[in-house]
C-alpha atoms as a PDB file:
ATOM      1  CA  MET A   1      31.290 -40.162  -7.681  1.00  0.00           C
ATOM      2  CA  PRO A   2      32.230 -36.562  -7.283  1.00  0.00           C
ATOM      3  CA  ASN A   3      30.507 -34.112  -5.335  1.00  0.00           C
ATOM      4  CA  ALA A   4      28.836 -31.569  -8.005  1.00  0.00           C
ATOM      5  CA  VAL A   5      30.049 -28.354  -5.922  1.00  0.00           C
ATOM      6  CA  ASN A   6      33.706 -29.995  -6.429  1.00  0.00           C
ATOM      7  CA  LEU A   7      33.390 -29.568 -10.157  1.00  0.00           C
ATOM      8  CA  VAL A   8      32.243 -25.994  -9.956  1.00  0.00           C
ATOM      9  CA  LYS A   9      35.552 -23.840  -9.832  1.00  0.00           C
ATOM     10  CA  GLN A  10      34.850 -20.301  -8.346  1.00  0.00           C
ATOM     11  CA  ARG A  11      36.664 -17.041  -8.325  1.00  0.00           C
ATOM     12  CA  TYR A  12      36.018 -13.795  -7.507  1.00  0.00           C
ATOM     13  CA  SER A  13      35.229 -11.291 -10.294  1.00  0.00           C
ATOM     14  CA  VAL A  14      37.700  -8.144 -10.524  1.00  0.00           C
ATOM     15  CA  ASP A  15      34.184  -6.151 -10.331  1.00  0.00           C
ATOM     16  CA  PHE A  16      33.418  -7.688  -6.834  1.00  0.00           C
ATOM     17  CA  LYS A  17      32.617  -5.521  -3.853  1.00  0.00           C
ATOM     18  CA  ARG A  18      30.631  -6.135  -0.949  1.00  0.00           C
ATOM     19  CA  VAL A  19      27.746  -3.462  -0.231  1.00  0.00           C
ATOM     20  CA  TYR A  20      25.275  -2.774   2.498  1.00  0.00           C
ATOM     21  CA  SER A  21      21.556  -2.527   1.923  1.00  0.00           C
ATOM     22  CA  ASN A  22      18.415  -2.084   3.891  1.00  0.00           C
ATOM     23  CA  GLY A  23      15.955  -2.655   0.785  1.00  0.00           C
ATOM     24  CA  ALA A  24      15.550  -3.456  -2.405  1.00  0.00           C
ATOM     25  CA  MET A  25      13.003  -3.006  -5.233  1.00  0.00           C
ATOM     26  CA  GLY A  26      12.459  -4.645  -8.926  1.00  0.00           C
ATOM     27  CA  GLY A  27      10.567  -6.098 -11.100  1.00  0.00           C
ATOM     28  CA  TYR A  28       9.592  -8.722 -14.189  1.00  0.00           C
ATOM     29  CA  ASP A  29      10.052  -7.630 -17.936  1.00  0.00           C
ATOM     30  CA  GLY A  30       8.382 -11.134 -18.867  1.00  0.00           C
ATOM     31  CA  CYS A  31      11.949 -12.451 -19.563  1.00  0.00           C
ATOM     32  CA  ASP A  32      14.522 -11.502 -16.293  1.00  0.00           C
ATOM     33  CA  PHE A  33      13.567  -9.958 -12.696  1.00  0.00           C
ATOM     34  CA  THR A  34      15.816  -7.223 -11.746  1.00  0.00           C
ATOM     35  CA  ILE A  35      16.890  -6.295  -8.183  1.00  0.00           C
ATOM     36  CA  THR A  36      17.406  -2.969  -7.367  1.00  0.00           C
ATOM     37  CA  PHE A  37      19.081  -2.339  -3.514  1.00  0.00           C
ATOM     38  CA  PHE A  38      19.471   0.724  -1.545  1.00  0.00           C
ATOM     39  CA  ARG A  39      20.403   1.966   1.348  1.00  0.00           C
ATOM     40  CA  ASP A  40      18.309   4.685   2.844  1.00  0.00           C
ATOM     41  CA  ASN A  41      19.966   7.168   5.031  1.00  0.00           C
ATOM     42  CA  ILE A  42      17.496   8.747   7.305  1.00  0.00           C
ATOM     43  CA  GLN A  43      18.391  12.281   8.295  1.00  0.00           C
ATOM     44  CA  TYR A  44      16.423  13.725  11.445  1.00  0.00           C
ATOM     45  CA  ALA A  45      15.901  17.397  12.243  1.00  0.00           C
ATOM     46  CA  GLN A  46      16.604  18.810  15.986  1.00  0.00           C
ATOM     47  CA  ASP A  47      12.995  20.244  15.415  1.00  0.00           C
ATOM     48  CA  VAL A  48      10.742  16.968  16.232  1.00  0.00           C
ATOM     49  CA  SER A  49       8.026  18.847  13.784  1.00  0.00           C
ATOM     50  CA  VAL A  50      10.200  18.829  11.012  1.00  0.00           C
ATOM     51  CA  SER A  51      10.072  15.378   9.153  1.00  0.00           C
ATOM     52  CA  PRO A  52      12.924  13.333   8.688  1.00  0.00           C
ATOM     53  CA  HIS A  53      14.346  13.630   5.464  1.00  0.00           C
ATOM     54  CA  VAL A  54      15.659  10.365   3.608  1.00  0.00           C
ATOM     55  CA  ALA A  55      18.415   9.898   1.260  1.00  0.00           C
ATOM     56  CA  ARG A  56      17.963   6.918  -0.992  1.00  0.00           C
ATOM     57  CA  GLU A  57      21.627   5.524  -2.286  1.00  0.00           C
ATOM     58  CA  ILE A  58      21.447   2.608  -5.112  1.00  0.00           C
ATOM     59  CA  VAL A  59      24.121   0.777  -4.577  1.00  0.00           C
ATOM     60  CA  SER A  60      23.795  -2.276  -6.547  1.00  0.00           C
ATOM     61  CA  GLU A  61      20.980  -4.048  -9.005  1.00  0.00           C
ATOM     62  CA  ILE A  62      21.207  -7.760 -10.042  1.00  0.00           C
ATOM     63  CA  ILE A  63      19.644  -9.210 -13.180  1.00  0.00           C
ATOM     64  CA  LEU A  64      18.367 -12.900 -12.480  1.00  0.00           C
ATOM     65  CA  PRO A  65      16.433 -14.971 -15.298  1.00  0.00           C
ATOM     66  CA  ALA A  66      13.531 -16.681 -13.805  1.00  0.00           C
ATOM     67  CA  PRO A  67      14.842 -20.216 -12.872  1.00  0.00           C
ATOM     68  CA  ALA A  68      17.567 -18.421 -10.640  1.00  0.00           C
ATOM     69  CA  LEU A  69      15.099 -16.058  -9.463  1.00  0.00           C
ATOM     70  CA  LYS A  70      13.041 -19.236  -7.843  1.00  0.00           C
ATOM     71  CA  GLU A  71      16.088 -21.072  -6.621  1.00  0.00           C
ATOM     72  CA  ILE A  72      17.353 -18.242  -4.907  1.00  0.00           C
ATOM     73  CA  THR A  73      14.052 -17.358  -3.400  1.00  0.00           C
ATOM     74  CA  LYS A  74      14.136 -20.771  -1.693  1.00  0.00           C
ATOM     75  CA  TRP A  75      17.765 -20.424  -0.421  1.00  0.00           C
ATOM     76  CA  LEU A  76      16.954 -17.227   0.979  1.00  0.00           C
ATOM     77  CA  LEU A  77      13.609 -18.853   2.837  1.00  0.00           C
ATOM     78  CA  SER A  78      15.355 -21.595   4.116  1.00  0.00           C
ATOM     79  CA  LYS A  79      17.855 -19.261   5.255  1.00  0.00           C
ATOM     80  CA  VAL A  80      15.342 -17.024   7.147  1.00  0.00           C
ATOM     81  CA  ASN A  81      13.947 -20.175   8.742  1.00  0.00           C
ATOM     82  CA  GLU A  82      17.356 -20.910   9.895  1.00  0.00           C
ATOM     83  CA  ILE A  83      18.057 -17.922  11.553  1.00  0.00           C
ATOM     84  CA  GLU A  84      14.558 -17.878  13.061  1.00  0.00           C
ATOM     85  CA  GLU A  85      14.698 -21.467  14.550  1.00  0.00           C
ATOM     86  CA  GLY A  86      17.822 -20.332  16.315  1.00  0.00           C
ATOM     87  CA  ASN A  87      17.548 -17.001  16.888  1.00  0.00           C
ATOM     88  CA  GLY A  88      13.350 -16.597  17.515  1.00  0.00           C
ATOM     89  CA  ILE A  89      11.160 -14.181  14.956  1.00  0.00           C
ATOM     90  CA  ILE A  90      12.903 -11.801  12.633  1.00  0.00           C
ATOM     91  CA  ARG A  91      10.485  -8.494  13.685  1.00  0.00           C
ATOM     92  CA  GLU A  92       9.562  -7.038  10.408  1.00  0.00           C
ATOM     93  CA  PRO A  93       9.308  -3.199  10.236  1.00  0.00           C
ATOM     94  CA  LEU A  94       6.382  -1.217  11.432  1.00  0.00           C
ATOM     95  CA  LEU A  95       5.037   1.664   9.357  1.00  0.00           C
ATOM     96  CA  LYS A  96       4.439   4.424  11.657  1.00  0.00           C
ATOM     97  CA  SER A  97       4.408   8.513  11.716  1.00  0.00           C
ATOM     98  CA  PRO A  98       8.164   9.789  11.547  1.00  0.00           C
ATOM     99  CA  VAL A  99       7.314  11.521  14.526  1.00  0.00           C
ATOM    100  CA  GLU A 100       6.199   8.811  16.392  1.00  0.00           C
ATOM    101  CA  ASN A 101       9.180   6.462  14.909  1.00  0.00           C
ATOM    102  CA  ARG A 102      11.662   9.716  15.739  1.00  0.00           C
ATOM    103  CA  GLU A 103      10.474   9.286  19.301  1.00  0.00           C
ATOM    104  CA  LYS A 104      10.489   5.611  19.946  1.00  0.00           C
ATOM    105  CA  GLN A 105      14.372   6.065  18.632  1.00  0.00           C
ATOM    106  CA  LYS A 106      14.999   8.435  20.580  1.00  0.00           C
ATOM    107  CA  SER A 107      13.922   6.673  23.772  1.00  0.00           C
ATOM    108  CA  GLU A 108      15.376   3.264  22.736  1.00  0.00           C
ATOM    109  CA  GLY A 109      18.694   4.351  21.140  1.00  0.00           C
ATOM    110  CA  VAL A 110      17.546   2.628  18.296  1.00  0.00           C
ATOM    111  CA  VAL A 111      19.357   3.617  14.770  1.00  0.00           C
ATOM    112  CA  GLY A 112      16.630   4.084  12.073  1.00  0.00           C
ATOM    113  CA  ALA A 113      16.634   2.039   9.071  1.00  0.00           C
ATOM    114  CA  THR A 114      14.228   1.457   6.262  1.00  0.00           C
ATOM    115  CA  TYR A 115      13.114  -2.027   4.738  1.00  0.00           C
ATOM    116  CA  SER A 116      10.987  -1.955   1.134  1.00  0.00           C
END
């Protein structure tokens, strides 16, 4: 019996593009689930008493029917589990004051990224 994957012909859309995102937001409207991916670019002032400025760039939006959302969620979770098995627990971002974050990043040489 042929493998079901071999029965699906796939190609890239002419509109295909690859984007980097460090966060997402979305919701369910009773029919479909919308995920809007964004990239937060944090800009720090020289004066540490000035709060950082965040420029949020919306990079992509995907609309999924609920069954696809559920299947993709299971697939993503399995991939997270595989990554953690091979590389250790993925550290989630901690919520701290902007000044505290900036001081830590300066001392560690860390590039700031925001996850939602």
